[in-house]
Amino acid sequence: MIEDLKKKVQATLKSSETEDWLDYRVVRPLSYLWALFFAKLDIHPNTVTIISMIIGAAASVFFMHGSFYYEGWHGLLMNIIGVLLLCQADIFDCTDGQLARMTGKKSRLGRILDGMAGFVWFIPIYVLLMVRFYNHHSLEFGWLGIPDTEQNALIATAVVVVLALYSGFAGMGGQQRLADYYIQVHLFLLKGEKGSELDNSLQQQKVYDETPAEGNRLWKYFLKTYIDYTRKQEKSTPEFQKLMSTLREKYGSAGNMPEEVREELHRESKAIMPLNAMLTFNFRSGMFFLFCLIDLPVFNFLFEAICMGLLTYYINRRHEAFCRRVAEKVRLGA
């Protein structure tokens, strides 16, 4: 029975190679069961995505509370509820894709909404973490020897706001955007164009231009947002873009690349996937939960900006390096 469940779960995954251990062993099986439930109710995958956004955003109210050091058992309970809500939001965020593959209800809107989910969760969470720091900062002030006055609290909170903005938009936002792109690149190398969602900004711009404004203003807004999303992905990966251009020039289409070229690219990409998985939900959220529970959420902003930033830089440089090397081989006909 367990083996049968594993096979059914695998059938709803993009690829086991793009999943980390926790997703593959725990999150995806739970998401599969939820997908079965939603399929029986004939609920659309996009509806599940929106539910995940609501639950994730609701978690922010609970993370606003100080944990045990500041608010005792009540504060700890509030933070634990926030952890559980955000984990459930992630499960539903995985469920929507599995439900779409299970029912065949894939859509461009679903792809756009899926990319937005993390932002919808963490924008209110980060805002209320700033409020939390303003209310609860004696630990940090004590370590730094800063008098806990109203003026110092306002100055320190202003510094935290700047750090949070950088951590959230330039840090986590850019990191997850790149991680999502590398997953789609890997799926393209593994399964070809039909097995991935490797969109590009030119295609999305064409869809936008061909969509009439009358009656489609909200949809065009989503499309415009997604164009910007894909452009930023492309801007971060210039060597991969050159590789794709070289493959198209040499073989008419990147999908027509020789098998030995595909195998080399797949091998190099697969080696990066475990590190790339650290840029998605499980690892970074585990650290976020830890910092909140020990009443040092401001450390999460530093962790995102510095540690995760360095990891992203390494993954990006490594991916760009093998793309450059393979593109050179193709150009030389090696």
Protein backbone atom coordinates (compact mmCIF):
# COMPACT_ATOMS: atom_id res chain seq x y z
CA MET A 1 0.00 0.00 0.00
CA ILE A 2 2.84 2.40 0.87
CA GLU A 3 4.64 1.62 -2.38
CA ASP A 4 1.41 2.16 -4.30
CA LEU A 5 0.98 5.56 -2.60
CA LYS A 6 4.57 6.49 -3.50
CA LYS A 7 3.94 5.72 -7.17
CA LYS A 8 0.75 7.78 -7.19
CA VAL A 9 2.52 10.71 -5.51
CA GLN A 10 5.42 10.52 -7.99
CA ALA A 11 2.97 10.65 -10.87
CA THR A 12 1.85 14.11 -9.68
CA LEU A 13 5.38 15.52 -9.28
CA LYS A 14 7.33 17.55 -11.80
CA SER A 15 10.38 15.44 -10.96
CA SER A 16 11.85 13.82 -7.85
CA GLU A 17 15.18 15.43 -8.81
CA THR A 18 13.87 18.91 -8.02
CA GLU A 19 12.44 17.97 -4.59
CA ASP A 20 14.36 18.09 -1.32
CA TRP A 21 14.14 15.28 1.25
CA LEU A 22 11.39 16.82 3.37
CA ASP A 23 9.23 17.68 0.37
CA TYR A 24 9.65 14.26 -1.20
CA ARG A 25 9.08 12.26 1.99
CA VAL A 26 6.55 14.38 3.89
CA VAL A 27 5.12 17.45 2.15
CA ARG A 28 4.35 15.92 -1.24
CA PRO A 29 2.52 12.85 0.15
CA LEU A 30 0.38 15.16 2.33
CA SER A 31 -0.23 17.44 -0.64
CA TYR A 32 -1.27 14.44 -2.73
CA LEU A 33 -3.94 13.51 -0.16
CA TRP A 34 -5.21 17.09 -0.16
CA ALA A 35 -5.19 17.03 -3.97
CA LEU A 36 -7.41 13.93 -3.92
CA PHE A 37 -9.78 15.72 -1.55
CA PHE A 38 -9.97 18.87 -3.68
CA ALA A 39 -10.35 16.79 -6.87
CA LYS A 40 -13.40 15.04 -5.41
CA LEU A 41 -14.93 18.45 -4.66
CA ASP A 42 -14.02 19.66 -8.17
CA ILE A 43 -12.10 22.61 -6.74
CA HIS A 44 -9.81 24.32 -9.24
CA PRO A 45 -6.04 24.39 -8.52
CA ASN A 46 -6.04 28.20 -8.67
CA THR A 47 -8.57 28.28 -5.84
CA VAL A 48 -6.20 26.16 -3.74
CA THR A 49 -3.38 28.61 -4.50
CA ILE A 50 -5.51 31.52 -3.29
CA ILE A 51 -6.41 29.59 -0.12
CA SER A 52 -2.68 29.04 0.52
CA MET A 53 -2.09 32.79 0.13
CA ILE A 54 -4.80 33.61 2.66
CA ILE A 55 -3.51 31.09 5.21
CA GLY A 56 0.10 32.22 4.78
CA ALA A 57 -0.83 35.89 5.15
CA ALA A 58 -2.93 35.05 8.24
CA ALA A 59 0.17 33.57 9.88
CA SER A 60 1.63 37.08 10.09
CA VAL A 61 -0.76 38.02 12.92
CA PHE A 62 0.67 35.25 15.09
CA PHE A 63 4.32 36.01 14.30
CA MET A 64 3.71 39.59 15.45
CA HIS A 65 3.66 38.30 19.04
CA GLY A 66 6.85 37.95 21.03
CA SER A 67 7.66 34.34 21.86
CA PHE A 68 8.39 32.85 25.30
CA TYR A 69 11.00 35.39 26.45
CA TYR A 70 8.64 38.34 25.98
CA GLU A 71 5.12 36.92 26.28
CA GLY A 72 5.57 33.59 28.09
CA TRP A 73 3.60 30.50 27.13
CA HIS A 74 0.95 32.58 25.35
CA GLY A 75 3.56 34.13 23.07
CA LEU A 76 5.16 30.76 22.38
CA LEU A 77 1.74 29.32 21.49
CA MET A 78 1.04 32.23 19.13
CA ASN A 79 4.32 31.65 17.31
CA ILE A 80 3.72 27.90 17.08
CA ILE A 81 0.30 28.59 15.54
CA GLY A 82 2.05 30.87 13.03
CA VAL A 83 4.50 28.06 12.20
CA LEU A 84 1.66 25.58 11.66
CA LEU A 85 -0.32 27.99 9.49
CA LEU A 86 2.69 28.76 7.29
CA CYS A 87 3.46 25.04 6.94
CA GLN A 88 -0.14 24.43 5.91
CA ALA A 89 0.10 27.27 3.40
CA ASP A 90 3.17 25.59 1.92
CA ILE A 91 1.37 22.24 1.74
CA PHE A 92 -1.48 23.87 -0.20
CA ASP A 93 1.05 25.68 -2.40
CA CYS A 94 2.40 22.24 -3.33
CA THR A 95 -1.11 20.80 -3.60
CA ASP A 96 -2.17 23.18 -6.38
CA GLY A 97 0.50 21.91 -8.79
CA GLN A 98 -0.18 18.27 -8.00
CA LEU A 99 -3.91 18.86 -8.39
CA ALA A 100 -3.32 20.58 -11.74
CA ARG A 101 -1.25 17.64 -13.02
CA MET A 102 -3.75 15.15 -11.61
CA THR A 103 -6.77 16.80 -13.24
CA GLY A 104 -5.13 18.38 -16.28
CA LYS A 105 -6.29 21.83 -15.15
CA LYS A 106 -3.05 23.64 -15.86
CA SER A 107 -3.21 27.32 -16.74
CA ARG A 108 -1.00 30.34 -17.30
CA LEU A 109 -2.79 32.08 -14.43
CA GLY A 110 -1.92 29.16 -12.17
CA ARG A 111 1.75 29.53 -13.04
CA ILE A 112 1.60 33.26 -12.28
CA LEU A 113 -0.27 32.80 -9.00
CA ASP A 114 2.15 30.09 -7.90
CA GLY A 115 5.07 32.46 -8.35
CA MET A 116 3.26 35.14 -6.32
CA ALA A 117 2.34 32.97 -3.33
CA GLY A 118 5.57 33.44 -1.37
CA PHE A 119 5.38 37.22 -1.74
CA VAL A 120 1.77 37.27 -0.54
CA TRP A 121 2.81 35.30 2.55
CA PHE A 122 5.92 37.16 3.52
CA ILE A 123 5.03 40.80 2.83
CA PRO A 124 2.55 40.95 5.75
CA ILE A 125 4.80 38.71 7.84
CA TYR A 126 7.77 41.02 7.37
CA VAL A 127 5.66 44.13 8.05
CA LEU A 128 4.39 42.71 11.34
CA LEU A 129 7.87 41.49 12.28
CA MET A 130 8.91 45.15 12.18
CA VAL A 131 6.06 45.93 14.59
CA ARG A 132 7.22 43.01 16.71
CA PHE A 133 10.74 44.40 16.88
CA TYR A 134 9.48 47.84 17.89
CA ASN A 135 7.51 46.25 20.75
CA HIS A 136 10.08 43.63 21.74
CA HIS A 137 13.77 44.50 21.37
CA SER A 138 15.27 44.38 24.88
CA LEU A 139 17.39 41.32 24.03
CA GLU A 140 19.15 43.08 21.16
CA PHE A 141 19.44 46.38 23.04
CA GLY A 142 20.89 44.57 26.05
CA TRP A 143 23.58 42.83 23.99
CA LEU A 144 24.53 46.06 22.23
CA GLY A 145 24.35 48.18 25.39
CA ILE A 146 21.74 50.52 23.92
CA PRO A 147 19.47 52.37 26.39
CA ASP A 148 15.86 51.29 25.80
CA THR A 149 14.36 54.71 25.13
CA GLU A 150 11.54 55.65 22.77
CA GLN A 151 13.95 57.54 20.50
CA ASN A 152 16.39 54.62 20.30
CA ALA A 153 13.51 52.22 19.63
CA LEU A 154 12.34 54.35 16.70
CA ILE A 155 15.85 54.65 15.27
CA ALA A 156 16.52 50.92 15.62
CA THR A 157 13.16 50.07 14.07
CA ALA A 158 13.93 52.34 11.10
CA VAL A 159 17.19 50.43 10.60
CA VAL A 160 15.28 47.12 10.80
CA VAL A 161 12.76 48.40 8.22
CA VAL A 162 15.58 49.08 5.74
CA LEU A 163 17.13 45.67 6.50
CA ALA A 164 13.75 43.96 6.10
CA LEU A 165 13.08 45.67 2.77
CA TYR A 166 16.45 44.57 1.43
CA SER A 167 16.10 41.09 2.90
CA GLY A 168 12.61 40.63 1.52
CA PHE A 169 12.78 42.13 -1.96
CA ALA A 170 16.45 41.98 -2.99
CA GLY A 171 17.08 38.93 -0.80
CA MET A 172 14.32 36.37 -0.49
CA GLY A 173 12.32 37.60 -3.48
CA GLY A 174 15.26 37.44 -5.87
CA GLN A 175 16.56 34.19 -4.42
CA GLN A 176 13.28 32.33 -4.77
CA ARG A 177 12.74 33.76 -8.24
CA LEU A 178 16.12 32.39 -9.33
CA ALA A 179 15.50 29.04 -7.61
CA ASP A 180 12.19 28.68 -9.45
CA TYR A 181 13.93 29.41 -12.74
CA TYR A 182 16.63 26.82 -12.16
CA ILE A 183 13.96 24.23 -11.37
CA GLN A 184 12.31 24.94 -14.73
CA VAL A 185 15.69 24.84 -16.50
CA HIS A 186 16.35 21.44 -14.95
CA LEU A 187 12.94 20.14 -15.98
CA PHE A 188 13.59 21.38 -19.51
CA LEU A 189 16.86 19.42 -19.61
CA LEU A 190 15.19 16.38 -18.10
CA LYS A 191 11.86 16.32 -19.94
CA GLY A 192 12.08 18.84 -22.77
CA GLU A 193 9.80 21.78 -23.46
CA LYS A 194 6.56 19.90 -22.75
CA GLY A 195 7.77 18.76 -19.33
CA SER A 196 8.75 22.20 -18.05
CA GLU A 197 7.35 25.69 -17.66
CA LEU A 198 10.45 27.47 -18.92
CA ASP A 199 8.78 30.69 -19.95
CA ASN A 200 10.59 33.65 -21.45
CA SER A 201 9.75 37.34 -21.42
CA LEU A 202 9.37 37.61 -25.21
CA GLN A 203 6.69 34.91 -25.24
CA GLN A 204 4.90 36.53 -22.31
CA GLN A 205 5.12 39.97 -23.95
CA LYS A 206 3.52 38.52 -27.09
CA VAL A 207 0.67 37.07 -25.04
CA TYR A 208 0.23 40.44 -23.32
CA ASP A 209 0.23 42.37 -26.61
CA GLU A 210 -2.29 39.99 -28.19
CA THR A 211 -4.69 40.18 -25.23
CA PRO A 212 -7.36 42.86 -25.73
CA ALA A 213 -7.62 45.38 -22.90
CA GLU A 214 -11.42 45.42 -22.91
CA GLY A 215 -12.66 43.05 -20.23
CA ASN A 216 -9.12 41.80 -19.45
CA ARG A 217 -7.60 44.56 -17.34
CA LEU A 218 -6.94 42.38 -14.28
CA TRP A 219 -5.58 39.57 -16.45
CA LYS A 220 -3.29 41.99 -18.28
CA TYR A 221 -2.02 43.22 -14.91
CA PHE A 222 -1.09 39.65 -13.97
CA LEU A 223 0.59 39.18 -17.35
CA LYS A 224 2.56 42.41 -16.95
CA THR A 225 3.72 41.26 -13.53
CA TYR A 226 4.82 37.92 -14.94
CA ILE A 227 6.72 39.59 -17.78
CA ASP A 228 8.72 41.51 -15.19
CA TYR A 229 9.24 38.28 -13.24
CA THR A 230 10.66 36.44 -16.25
CA ARG A 231 12.82 39.39 -17.30
CA LYS A 232 14.47 39.45 -13.90
CA GLN A 233 15.12 35.71 -14.17
CA GLU A 234 16.74 36.21 -17.56
CA LYS A 235 18.80 39.17 -16.37
CA SER A 236 20.24 37.03 -13.57
CA THR A 237 21.29 34.26 -15.98
CA PRO A 238 23.10 35.85 -18.97
CA GLU A 239 25.27 32.80 -19.71
CA PHE A 240 22.24 30.51 -19.76
CA GLN A 241 20.52 32.91 -22.16
CA LYS A 242 23.62 32.82 -24.41
CA LEU A 243 23.62 29.02 -24.23
CA MET A 244 19.96 28.85 -25.33
CA SER A 245 20.69 31.29 -28.16
CA THR A 246 23.68 29.19 -29.27
CA LEU A 247 21.59 26.00 -29.21
CA ARG A 248 18.87 27.64 -31.30
CA GLU A 249 21.39 28.92 -33.84
CA LYS A 250 23.17 25.57 -34.07
CA TYR A 251 20.22 23.18 -34.02
CA GLY A 252 17.19 25.29 -34.93
CA SER A 253 15.71 24.85 -31.45
CA ALA A 254 17.18 24.34 -27.98
CA GLY A 255 15.05 21.21 -27.72
CA ASN A 256 16.91 19.71 -30.69
CA MET A 257 20.27 19.67 -28.91
CA PRO A 258 22.23 16.38 -29.23
CA GLU A 259 21.71 13.86 -26.46
CA GLU A 260 25.32 14.12 -25.26
CA VAL A 261 24.90 17.88 -24.79
CA ARG A 262 21.63 17.37 -22.91
CA GLU A 263 23.21 14.71 -20.70
CA GLU A 264 26.13 16.97 -19.78
CA LEU A 265 23.84 19.88 -18.95
CA HIS A 266 21.49 17.62 -16.99
CA ARG A 267 24.37 16.15 -14.99
CA GLU A 268 25.71 19.58 -14.06
CA SER A 269 22.25 20.92 -13.24
CA LYS A 270 21.33 17.89 -11.12
CA ALA A 271 24.41 18.44 -8.94
CA ILE A 272 23.12 21.92 -8.10
CA MET A 273 19.52 20.93 -7.30
CA PRO A 274 20.11 20.02 -3.60
CA LEU A 275 21.64 23.46 -3.03
CA ASN A 276 18.93 25.13 -5.09
CA ALA A 277 16.30 23.44 -2.91
CA MET A 278 17.72 25.32 0.08
CA LEU A 279 16.55 28.55 -1.55
CA THR A 280 12.93 27.40 -1.56
CA PHE A 281 10.59 27.01 1.42
CA ASN A 282 11.80 24.29 3.78
CA PHE A 283 15.32 25.31 4.76
CA ARG A 284 14.82 29.06 4.85
CA SER A 285 11.49 28.75 6.69
CA GLY A 286 13.04 26.37 9.20
CA MET A 287 15.57 29.09 10.05
CA PHE A 288 12.80 31.70 10.14
CA PHE A 289 10.80 29.57 12.58
CA LEU A 290 13.86 29.12 14.79
CA PHE A 291 14.59 32.85 14.98
CA CYS A 292 10.96 33.63 15.81
CA LEU A 293 10.70 30.96 18.50
CA ILE A 294 13.88 32.14 20.26
CA ASP A 295 12.67 35.75 20.08
CA LEU A 296 15.31 37.00 17.65
CA PRO A 297 13.35 37.45 14.39
CA VAL A 298 15.55 40.37 13.32
CA PHE A 299 18.34 37.82 12.89
CA ASN A 300 16.26 36.27 10.11
CA PHE A 301 16.69 39.43 8.03
CA LEU A 302 20.47 39.19 8.47
CA PHE A 303 20.42 35.48 7.64
CA GLU A 304 18.41 36.09 4.46
CA ALA A 305 20.59 38.97 3.33
CA ILE A 306 24.00 37.46 4.13
CA CYS A 307 23.92 33.65 4.35
CA MET A 308 21.22 33.00 1.78
CA GLY A 309 22.65 35.76 -0.40
CA LEU A 310 26.06 34.05 -0.47
CA LEU A 311 24.45 30.68 -1.23
CA THR A 312 22.48 32.22 -4.10
CA TYR A 313 25.62 33.86 -5.48
CA TYR A 314 27.47 30.52 -5.42
CA ILE A 315 24.62 28.63 -7.13
CA ASN A 316 24.27 31.32 -9.78
CA ARG A 317 28.02 31.46 -10.53
CA ARG A 318 28.25 27.68 -10.71
CA HIS A 319 25.25 27.40 -13.04
CA GLU A 320 26.52 30.21 -15.26
CA ALA A 321 29.99 28.61 -15.43
CA PHE A 322 28.83 25.28 -16.86
CA CYS A 323 26.43 27.04 -19.24
CA ARG A 324 29.33 29.10 -20.55
CA ARG A 325 31.54 26.02 -20.90
CA VAL A 326 28.92 23.97 -22.77
CA ALA A 327 28.01 26.90 -25.04
CA GLU A 328 31.65 27.22 -26.02
CA LYS A 329 31.82 23.49 -26.83
CA VAL A 330 28.72 23.79 -29.03
CA ARG A 331 30.11 26.82 -30.84
CA LEU A 332 33.37 24.99 -31.53
CA GLY A 333 31.52 21.85 -32.61
CA ALA A 334 33.22 19.73 -29.91
